[in-house]
Amino acid sequence: MRGYIEQVFRAADFLEYGASEQQLVDMVVMNLHPDVLARASFLDRSRSRMDLYRVVGLVEERASVDKERHG
């Protein structure tokens, strides 16, 4: 997920897309897999790239715990 986020931001910069950071974050979130969105639904809306990385970290941690419990 982190790689995807970086690709979106790099592409927007390279193409001089002109979107705000919040718009890019919203685009990333809209394109996440439904399983990831379900795991992140309890968290506040991400407003920056750093918020998005924080959410990704929490989602990864939660997925790891779930896997450990059921694996």
N, C-alpha and C. Protein backbone atom coordinates (compact mmCIF):
# COMPACT_ATOMS: atom_id res chain seq x y z
N MET A 1 0.81 -1.19 0.00
CA MET A 1 0.00 0.00 0.00
C MET A 1 0.86 1.25 0.00
N ARG A 2 1.94 1.20 0.74
CA ARG A 2 2.81 2.38 0.80
C ARG A 2 3.39 2.71 -0.58
N GLY A 3 3.73 1.66 -1.33
CA GLY A 3 4.25 1.86 -2.68
C GLY A 3 3.22 2.51 -3.58
N TYR A 4 1.98 2.08 -3.46
CA TYR A 4 0.89 2.65 -4.26
C TYR A 4 0.71 4.14 -3.93
N ILE A 5 0.73 4.46 -2.65
CA ILE A 5 0.59 5.85 -2.23
C ILE A 5 1.69 6.70 -2.85
N GLU A 6 2.93 6.21 -2.75
CA GLU A 6 4.06 6.95 -3.31
C GLU A 6 3.91 7.12 -4.82
N GLN A 7 3.46 6.08 -5.50
CA GLN A 7 3.28 6.16 -6.96
C GLN A 7 2.27 7.24 -7.32
N VAL A 8 1.18 7.30 -6.59
CA VAL A 8 0.15 8.31 -6.88
C VAL A 8 0.73 9.71 -6.70
N PHE A 9 1.42 9.93 -5.60
CA PHE A 9 1.97 11.26 -5.34
C PHE A 9 3.07 11.63 -6.33
N ARG A 10 3.93 10.65 -6.66
CA ARG A 10 4.99 10.93 -7.65
C ARG A 10 4.41 11.22 -9.03
N ALA A 11 3.41 10.45 -9.42
CA ALA A 11 2.78 10.65 -10.73
C ALA A 11 2.11 12.02 -10.79
N ALA A 12 1.42 12.40 -9.74
CA ALA A 12 0.76 13.70 -9.70
C ALA A 12 1.78 14.82 -9.80
N ASP A 13 2.91 14.66 -9.12
CA ASP A 13 3.97 15.66 -9.18
C ASP A 13 4.57 15.72 -10.58
N PHE A 14 4.89 14.56 -11.14
CA PHE A 14 5.51 14.49 -12.46
C PHE A 14 4.60 15.08 -13.53
N LEU A 15 3.31 14.77 -13.43
CA LEU A 15 2.35 15.26 -14.43
C LEU A 15 1.86 16.67 -14.14
N GLU A 16 2.36 17.25 -13.04
CA GLU A 16 1.94 18.58 -12.62
C GLU A 16 0.41 18.65 -12.55
N TYR A 17 -0.15 17.65 -11.88
CA TYR A 17 -1.59 17.45 -11.80
C TYR A 17 -2.32 18.62 -11.17
N GLY A 18 -1.72 19.24 -10.17
CA GLY A 18 -2.31 20.43 -9.57
C GLY A 18 -3.35 20.14 -8.51
N ALA A 19 -3.46 18.90 -8.08
CA ALA A 19 -4.40 18.56 -7.02
C ALA A 19 -3.77 18.85 -5.67
N SER A 20 -4.63 19.18 -4.72
CA SER A 20 -4.12 19.40 -3.37
C SER A 20 -3.77 18.06 -2.73
N GLU A 21 -3.03 18.11 -1.64
CA GLU A 21 -2.67 16.88 -0.94
C GLU A 21 -3.93 16.14 -0.49
N GLN A 22 -4.92 16.89 -0.01
CA GLN A 22 -6.18 16.28 0.43
C GLN A 22 -6.88 15.57 -0.73
N GLN A 23 -6.89 16.17 -1.91
CA GLN A 23 -7.51 15.54 -3.07
C GLN A 23 -6.79 14.25 -3.45
N LEU A 24 -5.47 14.26 -3.40
CA LEU A 24 -4.70 13.05 -3.71
C LEU A 24 -4.95 11.96 -2.67
N VAL A 25 -5.01 12.34 -1.42
CA VAL A 25 -5.30 11.38 -0.35
C VAL A 25 -6.67 10.76 -0.59
N ASP A 26 -7.66 11.59 -0.93
CA ASP A 26 -9.01 11.09 -1.19
C ASP A 26 -9.02 10.11 -2.37
N MET A 27 -8.24 10.42 -3.41
CA MET A 27 -8.16 9.52 -4.57
C MET A 27 -7.56 8.17 -4.18
N VAL A 28 -6.52 8.21 -3.36
CA VAL A 28 -5.89 6.97 -2.91
C VAL A 28 -6.90 6.15 -2.12
N VAL A 29 -7.58 6.77 -1.18
CA VAL A 29 -8.53 6.06 -0.33
C VAL A 29 -9.66 5.47 -1.16
N MET A 30 -10.16 6.21 -2.14
CA MET A 30 -11.26 5.71 -2.99
C MET A 30 -10.86 4.46 -3.75
N ASN A 31 -9.58 4.28 -4.01
CA ASN A 31 -9.12 3.15 -4.81
C ASN A 31 -8.54 2.00 -4.00
N LEU A 32 -8.66 2.06 -2.69
CA LEU A 32 -8.18 0.97 -1.86
C LEU A 32 -9.14 -0.21 -1.94
N HIS A 33 -8.61 -1.38 -1.72
CA HIS A 33 -9.41 -2.61 -1.72
C HIS A 33 -10.47 -2.53 -0.62
N PRO A 34 -11.68 -3.04 -0.87
CA PRO A 34 -12.74 -2.99 0.15
C PRO A 34 -12.33 -3.60 1.49
N ASP A 35 -11.50 -4.63 1.50
CA ASP A 35 -11.05 -5.22 2.77
C ASP A 35 -10.22 -4.21 3.57
N VAL A 36 -9.40 -3.45 2.87
CA VAL A 36 -8.58 -2.43 3.53
C VAL A 36 -9.49 -1.33 4.07
N LEU A 37 -10.46 -0.92 3.27
CA LEU A 37 -11.39 0.12 3.72
C LEU A 37 -12.18 -0.33 4.94
N ALA A 38 -12.58 -1.59 4.96
CA ALA A 38 -13.32 -2.10 6.11
C ALA A 38 -12.47 -2.04 7.37
N ARG A 39 -11.20 -2.36 7.24
CA ARG A 39 -10.30 -2.32 8.41
C ARG A 39 -10.03 -0.88 8.86
N ALA A 40 -10.13 0.07 7.95
CA ALA A 40 -9.83 1.46 8.27
C ALA A 40 -11.07 2.27 8.63
N SER A 41 -12.23 1.65 8.55
CA SER A 41 -13.47 2.40 8.73
C SER A 41 -13.61 3.02 10.12
N PHE A 42 -12.96 2.45 11.12
CA PHE A 42 -13.06 2.96 12.48
C PHE A 42 -12.15 4.16 12.72
N LEU A 43 -11.32 4.49 11.76
CA LEU A 43 -10.34 5.57 11.93
C LEU A 43 -10.87 6.88 11.35
N ASP A 44 -10.31 7.98 11.82
CA ASP A 44 -10.67 9.30 11.30
C ASP A 44 -10.23 9.42 9.84
N ARG A 45 -10.89 10.31 9.13
CA ARG A 45 -10.56 10.56 7.73
C ARG A 45 -9.13 11.10 7.62
N SER A 46 -8.37 10.54 6.70
CA SER A 46 -7.00 11.01 6.47
C SER A 46 -7.04 12.33 5.72
N ARG A 47 -6.24 13.29 6.19
CA ARG A 47 -6.22 14.61 5.55
C ARG A 47 -4.88 14.93 4.90
N SER A 48 -3.87 14.08 5.17
CA SER A 48 -2.55 14.32 4.60
C SER A 48 -1.90 12.99 4.29
N ARG A 49 -0.80 13.05 3.58
CA ARG A 49 -0.06 11.83 3.26
C ARG A 49 0.44 11.16 4.54
N MET A 50 0.86 11.94 5.51
CA MET A 50 1.33 11.37 6.77
C MET A 50 0.18 10.68 7.51
N ASP A 51 -1.02 11.27 7.50
CA ASP A 51 -2.19 10.61 8.09
C ASP A 51 -2.45 9.29 7.39
N LEU A 52 -2.33 9.29 6.07
CA LEU A 52 -2.57 8.09 5.30
C LEU A 52 -1.57 6.99 5.66
N TYR A 53 -0.31 7.34 5.83
CA TYR A 53 0.69 6.37 6.25
C TYR A 53 0.39 5.83 7.65
N ARG A 54 -0.10 6.68 8.53
CA ARG A 54 -0.47 6.25 9.87
C ARG A 54 -1.61 5.23 9.79
N VAL A 55 -2.60 5.52 8.97
CA VAL A 55 -3.74 4.61 8.79
C VAL A 55 -3.26 3.29 8.21
N VAL A 56 -2.40 3.34 7.22
CA VAL A 56 -1.87 2.11 6.60
C VAL A 56 -1.15 1.27 7.66
N GLY A 57 -0.37 1.91 8.51
CA GLY A 57 0.32 1.20 9.57
C GLY A 57 -0.65 0.51 10.52
N LEU A 58 -1.71 1.20 10.88
CA LEU A 58 -2.70 0.62 11.77
C LEU A 58 -3.45 -0.53 11.10
N VAL A 59 -3.78 -0.36 9.82
CA VAL A 59 -4.47 -1.42 9.07
C VAL A 59 -3.57 -2.65 8.96
N GLU A 60 -2.29 -2.44 8.66
CA GLU A 60 -1.35 -3.56 8.57
C GLU A 60 -1.23 -4.28 9.91
N GLU A 61 -1.18 -3.51 10.98
CA GLU A 61 -1.08 -4.09 12.32
C GLU A 61 -2.33 -4.92 12.64
N ARG A 62 -3.48 -4.37 12.32
CA ARG A 62 -4.74 -5.07 12.57
C ARG A 62 -4.82 -6.36 11.74
N ALA A 63 -4.40 -6.29 10.48
CA ALA A 63 -4.41 -7.48 9.62
C ALA A 63 -3.47 -8.55 10.17
N SER A 64 -2.33 -8.14 10.68
CA SER A 64 -1.37 -9.07 11.25
C SER A 64 -1.94 -9.75 12.48
N VAL A 65 -2.61 -9.01 13.33
CA VAL A 65 -3.23 -9.56 14.52
C VAL A 65 -4.33 -10.55 14.13
N ASP A 66 -5.16 -10.17 13.15
CA ASP A 66 -6.22 -11.06 12.68
C ASP A 66 -5.64 -12.35 12.11
N LYS A 67 -4.58 -12.24 11.36
CA LYS A 67 -3.94 -13.42 10.76
C LYS A 67 -3.40 -14.33 11.85
N GLU A 68 -2.79 -13.74 12.87
CA GLU A 68 -2.23 -14.50 13.97
C GLU A 68 -3.34 -15.25 14.74
N ARG A 69 -4.46 -14.59 14.93
CA ARG A 69 -5.56 -15.19 15.66
C ARG A 69 -6.20 -16.34 14.89
N HIS A 70 -6.30 -16.17 13.57
CA HIS A 70 -7.01 -17.14 12.74
C HIS A 70 -6.08 -18.06 11.97
N GLY A 71 -4.79 -17.80 12.03
CA GLY A 71 -3.86 -18.56 11.22
C GLY A 71 -3.25 -19.67 11.97
